[in-house]
Amino acid sequence: MNTAIKIEHLYKYYTIPRSKGNMGLRERTFVELLNDAFGTGLLKRDGEENAEEVFHALEDVSFEIGKGDRVGIVGRNGAGKSTLLKLLCRITEPTKGRIIMRGRVASLLEVGT
């Protein structure tokens, strides 16, 4: 089989900074609510000012697509479908791993397509 696309150990991470108004992907803790209500720094934990969250969009994805094959990507919300298409179209770069493409690639990145 002639390989058109080869994905090897692909990873994509996003770093989400945490600040007073933006708590990232999690709920705010009781301590953070108290700090907001009574003033910043009353109950401060070590390293809390510069805290960041790392969101793992894709982890260790590997596959091959043959020349002339048509592929659909199916999965639940948050599975990484759109992230994978953005990587294949070179809209964004992978954190680790590599993508080898031969020929042209077109994706339909649209809800309900």
PDB file of N, CA and C in Angstrom:
ATOM      1  N   MET A   1       0.835  -1.174   0.000  1.00  0.00           N
ATOM      2  CA  MET A   1       0.000   0.000   0.000  1.00  0.00           C
ATOM      3  C   MET A   1       0.883   1.242   0.000  1.00  0.00           C
ATOM      4  N   ASN A   2       0.553   2.204  -0.861  1.00  0.00           N
ATOM      5  CA  ASN A   2       1.248   3.485  -0.859  1.00  0.00           C
ATOM      6  C   ASN A   2       0.685   4.357   0.252  1.00  0.00           C
ATOM      7  N   THR A   3       1.542   4.803   1.137  1.00  0.00           N
ATOM      8  CA  THR A   3       1.111   5.602   2.275  1.00  0.00           C
ATOM      9  C   THR A   3       1.032   7.067   1.879  1.00  0.00           C
ATOM     10  N   ALA A   4      -0.134   7.692   2.105  1.00  0.00           N
ATOM     11  CA  ALA A   4      -0.316   9.113   1.824  1.00  0.00           C
ATOM     12  C   ALA A   4      -0.070   9.952   3.077  1.00  0.00           C
ATOM     13  N   ILE A   5      -0.532   9.469   4.218  1.00  0.00           N
ATOM     14  CA  ILE A   5      -0.356  10.173   5.497  1.00  0.00           C
ATOM     15  C   ILE A   5       0.115   9.166   6.531  1.00  0.00           C
ATOM     16  N   LYS A   6       1.157   9.543   7.232  1.00  0.00           N
ATOM     17  CA  LYS A   6       1.668   8.699   8.310  1.00  0.00           C
ATOM     18  C   LYS A   6       1.836   9.566   9.553  1.00  0.00           C
ATOM     19  N   ILE A   7       1.182   9.179  10.626  1.00  0.00           N
ATOM     20  CA  ILE A   7       1.250   9.872  11.911  1.00  0.00           C
ATOM     21  C   ILE A   7       2.025   8.987  12.871  1.00  0.00           C
ATOM     22  N   GLU A   8       3.064   9.544  13.492  1.00  0.00           N
ATOM     23  CA  GLU A   8       3.893   8.765  14.410  1.00  0.00           C
ATOM     24  C   GLU A   8       3.963   9.443  15.773  1.00  0.00           C
ATOM     25  N   HIS A   9       3.425   8.794  16.785  1.00  0.00           N
ATOM     26  CA  HIS A   9       3.517   9.228  18.183  1.00  0.00           C
ATOM     27  C   HIS A   9       3.227  10.722  18.327  1.00  0.00           C
ATOM     28  N   LEU A  10       2.037  11.117  17.908  1.00  0.00           N
ATOM     29  CA  LEU A  10       1.634  12.516  17.894  1.00  0.00           C
ATOM     30  C   LEU A  10       1.065  12.933  19.247  1.00  0.00           C
ATOM     31  N   TYR A  11       1.554  14.064  19.753  1.00  0.00           N
ATOM     32  CA  TYR A  11       1.084  14.655  21.003  1.00  0.00           C
ATOM     33  C   TYR A  11       0.776  16.125  20.750  1.00  0.00           C
ATOM     34  N   LYS A  12      -0.287  16.625  21.383  1.00  0.00           N
ATOM     35  CA  LYS A  12      -0.590  18.051  21.357  1.00  0.00           C
ATOM     36  C   LYS A  12      -1.070  18.459  22.736  1.00  0.00           C
ATOM     37  N   TYR A  13      -0.313  19.370  23.372  1.00  0.00           N
ATOM     38  CA  TYR A  13      -0.642  19.897  24.685  1.00  0.00           C
ATOM     39  C   TYR A  13      -0.895  21.392  24.556  1.00  0.00           C
ATOM     40  N   TYR A  14      -1.834  21.886  25.335  1.00  0.00           N
ATOM     41  CA  TYR A  14      -2.077  23.324  25.437  1.00  0.00           C
ATOM     42  C   TYR A  14      -1.847  23.732  26.885  1.00  0.00           C
ATOM     43  N   THR A  15      -1.126  24.827  27.106  1.00  0.00           N
ATOM     44  CA  THR A  15      -0.913  25.366  28.433  1.00  0.00           C
ATOM     45  C   THR A  15      -1.931  26.462  28.673  1.00  0.00           C
ATOM     46  N   ILE A  16      -2.688  26.335  29.746  1.00  0.00           N
ATOM     47  CA  ILE A  16      -3.740  27.287  30.071  1.00  0.00           C
ATOM     48  C   ILE A  16      -3.326  28.029  31.330  1.00  0.00           C
ATOM     49  N   PRO A  17      -3.015  29.333  31.215  1.00  0.00           N
ATOM     50  CA  PRO A  17      -2.628  30.079  32.420  1.00  0.00           C
ATOM     51  C   PRO A  17      -3.829  30.278  33.332  1.00  0.00           C
ATOM     52  N   ARG A  18      -3.584  30.223  34.628  1.00  0.00           N
ATOM     53  CA  ARG A  18      -4.635  30.418  35.619  1.00  0.00           C
ATOM     54  C   ARG A  18      -4.447  31.774  36.267  1.00  0.00           C
ATOM     55  N   SER A  19      -5.475  32.572  36.276  1.00  0.00           N
ATOM     56  CA  SER A  19      -5.446  33.849  36.973  1.00  0.00           C
ATOM     57  C   SER A  19      -6.724  33.991  37.774  1.00  0.00           C
ATOM     58  N   LYS A  20      -6.883  35.113  38.458  1.00  0.00           N
ATOM     59  CA  LYS A  20      -8.045  35.313  39.318  1.00  0.00           C
ATOM     60  C   LYS A  20      -9.356  35.162  38.548  1.00  0.00           C
ATOM     61  N   GLY A  21      -9.429  35.718  37.348  1.00  0.00           N
ATOM     62  CA  GLY A  21     -10.664  35.680  36.578  1.00  0.00           C
ATOM     63  C   GLY A  21     -10.799  34.465  35.688  1.00  0.00           C
ATOM     64  N   ASN A  22      -9.703  33.753  35.422  1.00  0.00           N
ATOM     65  CA  ASN A  22      -9.720  32.630  34.495  1.00  0.00           C
ATOM     66  C   ASN A  22      -9.182  31.404  35.211  1.00  0.00           C
ATOM     67  N   MET A  23     -10.049  30.525  35.644  1.00  0.00           N
ATOM     68  CA  MET A  23      -9.612  29.358  36.396  1.00  0.00           C
ATOM     69  C   MET A  23      -9.359  28.149  35.507  1.00  0.00           C
ATOM     70  N   GLY A  24      -9.323  28.325  34.225  1.00  0.00           N
ATOM     71  CA  GLY A  24      -9.000  27.225  33.334  1.00  0.00           C
ATOM     72  C   GLY A  24     -10.140  26.247  33.187  1.00  0.00           C
ATOM     73  N   LEU A  25      -9.815  24.954  33.238  1.00  0.00           N
ATOM     74  CA  LEU A  25     -10.790  23.915  32.955  1.00  0.00           C
ATOM     75  C   LEU A  25     -11.451  23.326  34.201  1.00  0.00           C
ATOM     76  N   ARG A  26     -11.200  23.885  35.375  1.00  0.00           N
ATOM     77  CA  ARG A  26     -11.751  23.286  36.579  1.00  0.00           C
ATOM     78  C   ARG A  26     -12.586  24.305  37.347  1.00  0.00           C
ATOM     79  N   GLU A  27     -13.342  23.796  38.309  1.00  0.00           N
ATOM     80  CA  GLU A  27     -14.131  24.659  39.174  1.00  0.00           C
ATOM     81  C   GLU A  27     -13.214  25.367  40.158  1.00  0.00           C
ATOM     82  N   ARG A  28     -13.614  26.529  40.619  1.00  0.00           N
ATOM     83  CA  ARG A  28     -12.840  27.268  41.604  1.00  0.00           C
ATOM     84  C   ARG A  28     -13.006  26.634  42.980  1.00  0.00           C
ATOM     85  N   THR A  29     -11.922  26.638  43.765  1.00  0.00           N
ATOM     86  CA  THR A  29     -11.962  26.038  45.093  1.00  0.00           C
ATOM     87  C   THR A  29     -12.564  27.009  46.096  1.00  0.00           C
ATOM     88  N   PHE A  30     -12.916  26.485  47.266  1.00  0.00           N
ATOM     89  CA  PHE A  30     -13.474  27.303  48.334  1.00  0.00           C
ATOM     90  C   PHE A  30     -12.475  28.387  48.762  1.00  0.00           C
ATOM     91  N   VAL A  31     -11.193  28.037  48.817  1.00  0.00           N
ATOM     92  CA  VAL A  31     -10.147  28.995  49.198  1.00  0.00           C
ATOM     93  C   VAL A  31     -10.102  30.148  48.199  1.00  0.00           C
ATOM     94  N   GLU A  32     -10.215  29.844  46.921  1.00  0.00           N
ATOM     95  CA  GLU A  32     -10.187  30.890  45.890  1.00  0.00           C
ATOM     96  C   GLU A  32     -11.415  31.791  45.996  1.00  0.00           C
ATOM     97  N   LEU A  33     -12.569  31.221  46.306  1.00  0.00           N
ATOM     98  CA  LEU A  33     -13.781  32.028  46.504  1.00  0.00           C
ATOM     99  C   LEU A  33     -13.634  32.952  47.712  1.00  0.00           C
ATOM    100  N   LEU A  34     -13.045  32.465  48.810  1.00  0.00           N
ATOM    101  CA  LEU A  34     -12.799  33.302  49.983  1.00  0.00           C
ATOM    102  C   LEU A  34     -11.839  34.446  49.664  1.00  0.00           C
ATOM    103  N   ASN A  35     -10.793  34.140  48.913  1.00  0.00           N
ATOM    104  CA  ASN A  35      -9.845  35.183  48.523  1.00  0.00           C
ATOM    105  C   ASN A  35     -10.527  36.267  47.698  1.00  0.00           C
ATOM    106  N   ASP A  36     -11.415  35.887  46.815  1.00  0.00           N
ATOM    107  CA  ASP A  36     -12.137  36.868  46.011  1.00  0.00           C
ATOM    108  C   ASP A  36     -13.062  37.720  46.866  1.00  0.00           C
ATOM    109  N   ALA A  37     -13.706  37.086  47.847  1.00  0.00           N
ATOM    110  CA  ALA A  37     -14.689  37.798  48.672  1.00  0.00           C
ATOM    111  C   ALA A  37     -14.029  38.746  49.676  1.00  0.00           C
ATOM    112  N   PHE A  38     -12.894  38.330  50.261  1.00  0.00           N
ATOM    113  CA  PHE A  38     -12.292  39.106  51.356  1.00  0.00           C
ATOM    114  C   PHE A  38     -10.945  39.717  51.004  1.00  0.00           C
ATOM    115  N   GLY A  39     -10.548  39.670  49.767  1.00  0.00           N
ATOM    116  CA  GLY A  39      -9.271  40.268  49.371  1.00  0.00           C
ATOM    117  C   GLY A  39      -8.271  39.214  48.968  1.00  0.00           C
ATOM    118  N   THR A  40      -7.489  39.529  47.962  1.00  0.00           N
ATOM    119  CA  THR A  40      -6.516  38.587  47.423  1.00  0.00           C
ATOM    120  C   THR A  40      -5.389  38.355  48.421  1.00  0.00           C
ATOM    121  N   GLY A  41      -5.003  37.122  48.603  1.00  0.00           N
ATOM    122  CA  GLY A  41      -3.834  36.790  49.400  1.00  0.00           C
ATOM    123  C   GLY A  41      -4.112  36.431  50.846  1.00  0.00           C
ATOM    124  N   LEU A  42      -5.365  36.444  51.285  1.00  0.00           N
ATOM    125  CA  LEU A  42      -5.640  36.039  52.652  1.00  0.00           C
ATOM    126  C   LEU A  42      -5.252  34.583  52.898  1.00  0.00           C
ATOM    127  N   LEU A  43      -5.644  33.755  51.974  1.00  0.00           N
ATOM    128  CA  LEU A  43      -5.348  32.323  52.076  1.00  0.00           C
ATOM    129  C   LEU A  43      -4.616  31.903  50.805  1.00  0.00           C
ATOM    130  N   LYS A  44      -3.324  32.083  50.789  1.00  0.00           N
ATOM    131  CA  LYS A  44      -2.560  31.820  49.577  1.00  0.00           C
ATOM    132  C   LYS A  44      -1.739  30.548  49.728  1.00  0.00           C
ATOM    133  N   ARG A  45      -1.817  29.705  48.703  1.00  0.00           N
ATOM    134  CA  ARG A  45      -1.011  28.486  48.695  1.00  0.00           C
ATOM    135  C   ARG A  45       0.274  28.740  47.920  1.00  0.00           C
ATOM    136  N   ASP A  46       1.288  27.937  48.182  1.00  0.00           N
ATOM    137  CA  ASP A  46       2.577  28.093  47.509  1.00  0.00           C
ATOM    138  C   ASP A  46       2.439  27.957  46.009  1.00  0.00           C
ATOM    139  N   GLY A  47       2.995  28.920  45.259  1.00  0.00           N
ATOM    140  CA  GLY A  47       3.024  28.864  43.802  1.00  0.00           C
ATOM    141  C   GLY A  47       1.698  29.095  43.129  1.00  0.00           C
ATOM    142  N   GLU A  48       0.700  29.574  43.849  1.00  0.00           N
ATOM    143  CA  GLU A  48      -0.630  29.715  43.269  1.00  0.00           C
ATOM    144  C   GLU A  48      -0.714  30.871  42.273  1.00  0.00           C
ATOM    145  N   GLU A  49       0.099  31.901  42.427  1.00  0.00           N
ATOM    146  CA  GLU A  49       0.028  33.073  41.550  1.00  0.00           C
ATOM    147  C   GLU A  49       0.342  32.734  40.096  1.00  0.00           C
ATOM    148  N   ASN A  50       1.325  31.885  39.870  1.00  0.00           N
ATOM    149  CA  ASN A  50       1.757  31.569  38.507  1.00  0.00           C
ATOM    150  C   ASN A  50       1.355  30.161  38.077  1.00  0.00           C
ATOM    151  N   ALA A  51       0.254  29.682  38.609  1.00  0.00           N
ATOM    152  CA  ALA A  51      -0.175  28.318  38.310  1.00  0.00           C
ATOM    153  C   ALA A  51      -0.651  28.206  36.861  1.00  0.00           C
ATOM    154  N   GLU A  52      -0.411  27.062  36.267  1.00  0.00           N
ATOM    155  CA  GLU A  52      -0.854  26.772  34.901  1.00  0.00           C
ATOM    156  C   GLU A  52      -1.440  25.379  34.865  1.00  0.00           C
ATOM    157  N   GLU A  53      -2.359  25.185  33.948  1.00  0.00           N
ATOM    158  CA  GLU A  53      -2.895  23.858  33.696  1.00  0.00           C
ATOM    159  C   GLU A  53      -2.429  23.416  32.316  1.00  0.00           C
ATOM    160  N   VAL A  54      -2.123  22.140  32.182  1.00  0.00           N
ATOM    161  CA  VAL A  54      -1.746  21.590  30.881  1.00  0.00           C
ATOM    162  C   VAL A  54      -2.882  20.693  30.416  1.00  0.00           C
ATOM    163  N   PHE A  55      -3.447  21.025  29.266  1.00  0.00           N
ATOM    164  CA  PHE A  55      -4.542  20.254  28.686  1.00  0.00           C
ATOM    165  C   PHE A  55      -3.962  19.348  27.611  1.00  0.00           C
ATOM    166  N   HIS A  56      -4.171  18.043  27.730  1.00  0.00           N
ATOM    167  CA  HIS A  56      -3.655  17.051  26.784  1.00  0.00           C
ATOM    168  C   HIS A  56      -4.734  16.797  25.725  1.00  0.00           C
ATOM    169  N   ALA A  57      -4.606  17.455  24.570  1.00  0.00           N
ATOM    170  CA  ALA A  57      -5.599  17.298  23.503  1.00  0.00           C
ATOM    171  C   ALA A  57      -5.414  15.967  22.773  1.00  0.00           C
ATOM    172  N   LEU A  58      -4.164  15.587  22.502  1.00  0.00           N
ATOM    173  CA  LEU A  58      -3.852  14.306  21.855  1.00  0.00           C
ATOM    174  C   LEU A  58      -2.653  13.684  22.555  1.00  0.00           C
ATOM    175  N   GLU A  59      -2.694  12.372  22.748  1.00  0.00           N
ATOM    176  CA  GLU A  59      -1.586  11.675  23.378  1.00  0.00           C
ATOM    177  C   GLU A  59      -1.260  10.392  22.627  1.00  0.00           C
ATOM    178  N   ASP A  60      -0.052  10.305  22.099  1.00  0.00           N
ATOM    179  CA  ASP A  60       0.499   9.115  21.446  1.00  0.00           C
ATOM    180  C   ASP A  60      -0.443   8.533  20.384  1.00  0.00           C
ATOM    181  N   VAL A  61      -0.774   9.347  19.398  1.00  0.00           N
ATOM    182  CA  VAL A  61      -1.634   8.926  18.286  1.00  0.00           C
ATOM    183  C   VAL A  61      -0.732   8.491  17.126  1.00  0.00           C
ATOM    184  N   SER A  62      -0.958   7.293  16.594  1.00  0.00           N
ATOM    185  CA  SER A  62      -0.191   6.778  15.460  1.00  0.00           C
ATOM    186  C   SER A  62      -1.124   6.026  14.515  1.00  0.00           C
ATOM    187  N   PHE A  63      -1.022   6.319  13.214  1.00  0.00           N
ATOM    188  CA  PHE A  63      -1.775   5.586  12.201  1.00  0.00           C
ATOM    189  C   PHE A  63      -1.251   5.933  10.817  1.00  0.00           C
ATOM    190  N   GLU A  64      -1.694   5.162   9.833  1.00  0.00           N
ATOM    191  CA  GLU A  64      -1.338   5.403   8.435  1.00  0.00           C
ATOM    192  C   GLU A  64      -2.606   5.418   7.590  1.00  0.00           C
ATOM    193  N   ILE A  65      -2.613   6.260   6.563  1.00  0.00           N
ATOM    194  CA  ILE A  65      -3.716   6.320   5.607  1.00  0.00           C
ATOM    195  C   ILE A  65      -3.123   6.094   4.227  1.00  0.00           C
ATOM    196  N   GLY A  66      -3.684   5.155   3.505  1.00  0.00           N
ATOM    197  CA  GLY A  66      -3.171   4.819   2.184  1.00  0.00           C
ATOM    198  C   GLY A  66      -3.630   5.799   1.105  1.00  0.00           C
ATOM    199  N   LYS A  67      -2.908   5.805   0.005  1.00  0.00           N
ATOM    200  CA  LYS A  67      -3.238   6.655  -1.131  1.00  0.00           C
ATOM    201  C   LYS A  67      -4.628   6.291  -1.662  1.00  0.00           C
ATOM    202  N   GLY A  68      -5.498   7.303  -1.836  1.00  0.00           N
ATOM    203  CA  GLY A  68      -6.838   7.100  -2.355  1.00  0.00           C
ATOM    204  C   GLY A  68      -7.888   6.757  -1.316  1.00  0.00           C
ATOM    205  N   ASP A  69      -7.457   6.531  -0.087  1.00  0.00           N
ATOM    206  CA  ASP A  69      -8.414   6.224   0.983  1.00  0.00           C
ATOM    207  C   ASP A  69      -9.167   7.478   1.407  1.00  0.00           C
ATOM    208  N   ARG A  70     -10.408   7.297   1.785  1.00  0.00           N
ATOM    209  CA  ARG A  70     -11.206   8.370   2.367  1.00  0.00           C
ATOM    210  C   ARG A  70     -11.426   8.013   3.824  1.00  0.00           C
ATOM    211  N   VAL A  71     -11.220   8.992   4.696  1.00  0.00           N
ATOM    212  CA  VAL A  71     -11.230   8.723   6.130  1.00  0.00           C
ATOM    213  C   VAL A  71     -12.183   9.678   6.832  1.00  0.00           C
ATOM    214  N   GLY A  72     -12.939   9.153   7.761  1.00  0.00           N
ATOM    215  CA  GLY A  72     -13.766   9.970   8.645  1.00  0.00           C
ATOM    216  C   GLY A  72     -13.276   9.797  10.065  1.00  0.00           C
ATOM    217  N   ILE A  73     -13.294  10.878  10.822  1.00  0.00           N
ATOM    218  CA  ILE A  73     -12.860  10.823  12.211  1.00  0.00           C
ATOM    219  C   ILE A  73     -14.103  10.971  13.081  1.00  0.00           C
ATOM    220  N   VAL A  74     -14.359   9.959  13.895  1.00  0.00           N
ATOM    221  CA  VAL A  74     -15.563   9.907  14.712  1.00  0.00           C
ATOM    222  C   VAL A  74     -15.151   9.743  16.167  1.00  0.00           C
ATOM    223  N   GLY A  75     -15.845  10.445  17.068  1.00  0.00           N
ATOM    224  CA  GLY A  75     -15.569  10.299  18.496  1.00  0.00           C
ATOM    225  C   GLY A  75     -16.429  11.231  19.306  1.00  0.00           C
ATOM    226  N   ARG A  76     -16.369  11.067  20.607  1.00  0.00           N
ATOM    227  CA  ARG A  76     -17.167  11.897  21.508  1.00  0.00           C
ATOM    228  C   ARG A  76     -16.592  13.309  21.573  1.00  0.00           C
ATOM    229  N   ASN A  77     -17.332  14.208  22.194  1.00  0.00           N
ATOM    230  CA  ASN A  77     -16.854  15.571  22.379  1.00  0.00           C
ATOM    231  C   ASN A  77     -15.578  15.566  23.212  1.00  0.00           C
ATOM    232  N   GLY A  78     -14.594  16.340  22.783  1.00  0.00           N
ATOM    233  CA  GLY A  78     -13.338  16.426  23.514  1.00  0.00           C
ATOM    234  C   GLY A  78     -12.350  15.321  23.200  1.00  0.00           C
ATOM    235  N   ALA A  79     -12.634  14.497  22.194  1.00  0.00           N
ATOM    236  CA  ALA A  79     -11.749  13.373  21.874  1.00  0.00           C
ATOM    237  C   ALA A  79     -10.518  13.800  21.072  1.00  0.00           C
ATOM    238  N   GLY A  80     -10.528  15.003  20.482  1.00  0.00           N
ATOM    239  CA  GLY A  80      -9.368  15.482  19.734  1.00  0.00           C
ATOM    240  C   GLY A  80      -9.540  15.466  18.223  1.00  0.00           C
ATOM    241  N   LYS A  81     -10.752  15.314  17.743  1.00  0.00           N
ATOM    242  CA  LYS A  81     -10.998  15.246  16.291  1.00  0.00           C
ATOM    243  C   LYS A  81     -10.575  16.534  15.587  1.00  0.00           C
ATOM    244  N   SER A  82     -11.043  17.665  16.078  1.00  0.00           N
ATOM    245  CA  SER A  82     -10.716  18.953  15.460  1.00  0.00           C
ATOM    246  C   SER A  82      -9.235  19.270  15.598  1.00  0.00           C
ATOM    247  N   THR A  83      -8.658  18.927  16.735  1.00  0.00           N
ATOM    248  CA  THR A  83      -7.219  19.147  16.938  1.00  0.00           C
ATOM    249  C   THR A  83      -6.405  18.354  15.925  1.00  0.00           C
ATOM    250  N   LEU A  84      -6.781  17.109  15.682  1.00  0.00           N
ATOM    251  CA  LEU A  84      -6.089  16.288  14.705  1.00  0.00           C
ATOM    252  C   LEU A  84      -6.181  16.896  13.306  1.00  0.00           C
ATOM    253  N   LEU A  85      -7.373  17.369  12.919  1.00  0.00           N
ATOM    254  CA  LEU A  85      -7.524  17.995  11.603  1.00  0.00           C
ATOM    255  C   LEU A  85      -6.712  19.280  11.487  1.00  0.00           C
ATOM    256  N   LYS A  86      -6.646  20.057  12.552  1.00  0.00           N
ATOM    257  CA  LYS A  86      -5.826  21.277  12.533  1.00  0.00           C
ATOM    258  C   LYS A  86      -4.350  20.945  12.363  1.00  0.00           C
ATOM    259  N   LEU A  87      -3.905  19.877  12.981  1.00  0.00           N
ATOM    260  CA  LEU A  87      -2.515  19.437  12.817  1.00  0.00           C
ATOM    261  C   LEU A  87      -2.249  18.965  11.389  1.00  0.00           C
ATOM    262  N   LEU A  88      -3.177  18.202  10.815  1.00  0.00           N
ATOM    263  CA  LEU A  88      -3.011  17.703   9.450  1.00  0.00           C
ATOM    264  C   LEU A  88      -3.000  18.834   8.419  1.00  0.00           C
ATOM    265  N   CYS A  89      -3.778  19.888   8.673  1.00  0.00           N
ATOM    266  CA  CYS A  89      -3.844  21.031   7.748  1.00  0.00           C
ATOM    267  C   CYS A  89      -2.766  22.062   8.041  1.00  0.00           C
ATOM    268  N   ARG A  90      -1.913  21.782   9.015  1.00  0.00           N
ATOM    269  CA  ARG A  90      -0.814  22.666   9.401  1.00  0.00           C
ATOM    270  C   ARG A  90      -1.293  24.017   9.931  1.00  0.00           C
ATOM    271  N   ILE A  91      -2.478  24.042  10.529  1.00  0.00           N
ATOM    272  CA  ILE A  91      -2.966  25.250  11.198  1.00  0.00           C
ATOM    273  C   ILE A  91      -2.208  25.429  12.511  1.00  0.00           C
ATOM    274  N   THR A  92      -1.899  24.320  13.170  1.00  0.00           N
ATOM    275  CA  THR A  92      -1.120  24.330  14.403  1.00  0.00           C
ATOM    276  C   THR A  92      -0.051  23.241  14.320  1.00  0.00           C
ATOM    277  N   GLU A  93       0.964  23.352  15.166  1.00  0.00           N
ATOM    278  CA  GLU A  93       2.083  22.404  15.160  1.00  0.00           C
ATOM    279  C   GLU A  93       1.938  21.411  16.319  1.00  0.00           C
ATOM    280  N   PRO A  94       2.390  20.173  16.126  1.00  0.00           N
ATOM    281  CA  PRO A  94       2.322  19.201  17.227  1.00  0.00           C
ATOM    282  C   PRO A  94       3.331  19.527  18.325  1.00  0.00           C
ATOM    283  N   THR A  95       3.023  19.133  19.553  1.00  0.00           N
ATOM    284  CA  THR A  95       3.957  19.291  20.656  1.00  0.00           C
ATOM    285  C   THR A  95       5.100  18.294  20.499  1.00  0.00           C
ATOM    286  N   LYS A  96       4.761  17.048  20.185  1.00  0.00           N
ATOM    287  CA  LYS A  96       5.756  15.999  19.924  1.00  0.00           C
ATOM    288  C   LYS A  96       5.224  15.116  18.807  1.00  0.00           C
ATOM    289  N   GLY A  97       6.114  14.351  18.213  1.00  0.00           N
ATOM    290  CA  GLY A  97       5.726  13.422  17.162  1.00  0.00           C
ATOM    291  C   GLY A  97       5.905  14.039  15.789  1.00  0.00           C
ATOM    292  N   ARG A  98       5.519  13.263  14.757  1.00  0.00           N
ATOM    293  CA  ARG A  98       5.674  13.800  13.403  1.00  0.00           C
ATOM    294  C   ARG A  98       4.555  13.338  12.490  1.00  0.00           C
ATOM    295  N   ILE A  99       4.336  14.187  11.483  1.00  0.00           N
ATOM    296  CA  ILE A  99       3.327  13.927  10.459  1.00  0.00           C
ATOM    297  C   ILE A  99       4.038  13.918   9.118  1.00  0.00           C
ATOM    298  N   ILE A 100       3.892  12.824   8.380  1.00  0.00           N
ATOM    299  CA  ILE A 100       4.482  12.708   7.049  1.00  0.00           C
ATOM    300  C   ILE A 100       3.329  12.642   6.057  1.00  0.00           C
ATOM    301  N   MET A 101       3.293  13.610   5.120  1.00  0.00           N
ATOM    302  CA  MET A 101       2.211  13.645   4.129  1.00  0.00           C
ATOM    303  C   MET A 101       2.806  13.686   2.734  1.00  0.00           C
ATOM    304  N   ARG A 102       2.215  12.895   1.862  1.00  0.00           N
ATOM    305  CA  ARG A 102       2.592  12.896   0.448  1.00  0.00           C
ATOM    306  C   ARG A 102       1.351  13.280  -0.348  1.00  0.00           C
ATOM    307  N   GLY A 103       1.457  14.343  -1.134  1.00  0.00           N
ATOM    308  CA  GLY A 103       0.306  14.789  -1.913  1.00  0.00           C
ATOM    309  C   GLY A 103      -0.469  15.873  -1.198  1.00  0.00           C
ATOM    310  N   ARG A 104      -1.692  16.124  -1.668  1.00  0.00           N
ATOM    311  CA  ARG A 104      -2.539  17.167  -1.099  1.00  0.00           C
ATOM    312  C   ARG A 104      -3.520  16.573  -0.099  1.00  0.00           C
ATOM    313  N   VAL A 105      -3.839  17.378   0.903  1.00  0.00           N
ATOM    314  CA  VAL A 105      -4.789  16.955   1.928  1.00  0.00           C
ATOM    315  C   VAL A 105      -5.849  18.032   2.054  1.00  0.00           C
ATOM    316  N   ALA A 106      -7.106  17.632   2.063  1.00  0.00           N
ATOM    317  CA  ALA A 106      -8.214  18.566   2.281  1.00  0.00           C
ATOM    318  C   ALA A 106      -9.075  18.024   3.405  1.00  0.00           C
ATOM    319  N   SER A 107      -9.491  18.904   4.309  1.00  0.00           N
ATOM    320  CA  SER A 107     -10.367  18.460   5.400  1.00  0.00           C
ATOM    321  C   SER A 107     -11.617  19.311   5.421  1.00  0.00           C
ATOM    322  N   LEU A 108     -12.699  18.702   5.831  1.00  0.00           N
ATOM    323  CA  LEU A 108     -13.955  19.418   6.037  1.00  0.00           C
ATOM    324  C   LEU A 108     -14.122  19.564   7.528  1.00  0.00           C
ATOM    325  N   LEU A 109     -13.697  20.697   8.019  1.00  0.00           N
ATOM    326  CA  LEU A 109     -13.735  20.962   9.459  1.00  0.00           C
ATOM    327  C   LEU A 109     -14.951  21.817   9.758  1.00  0.00           C
ATOM    328  N   GLU A 110     -16.087  21.159   9.878  1.00  0.00           N
ATOM    329  CA  GLU A 110     -17.358  21.871  10.073  1.00  0.00           C
ATOM    330  C   GLU A 110     -18.312  20.967  10.827  1.00  0.00           C
ATOM    331  N   VAL A 111     -19.047  21.514  11.744  1.00  0.00           N
ATOM    332  CA  VAL A 111     -20.025  20.730  12.488  1.00  0.00           C
ATOM    333  C   VAL A 111     -21.150  20.333  11.564  1.00  0.00           C
ATOM    334  N   GLY A 112     -21.460  19.059  11.539  1.00  0.00           N
ATOM    335  CA  GLY A 112     -22.571  18.568  10.717  1.00  0.00           C
ATOM    336  C   GLY A 112     -22.239  18.337   9.250  1.00  0.00           C
ATOM    337  N   THR A 113     -20.969  18.367   8.885  1.00  0.00           N
ATOM    338  CA  THR A 113     -20.582  18.152   7.497  1.00  0.00           C
ATOM    339  C   THR A 113     -20.692  16.675   7.158  1.00  0.00           C
TER     340      THR A 113
END
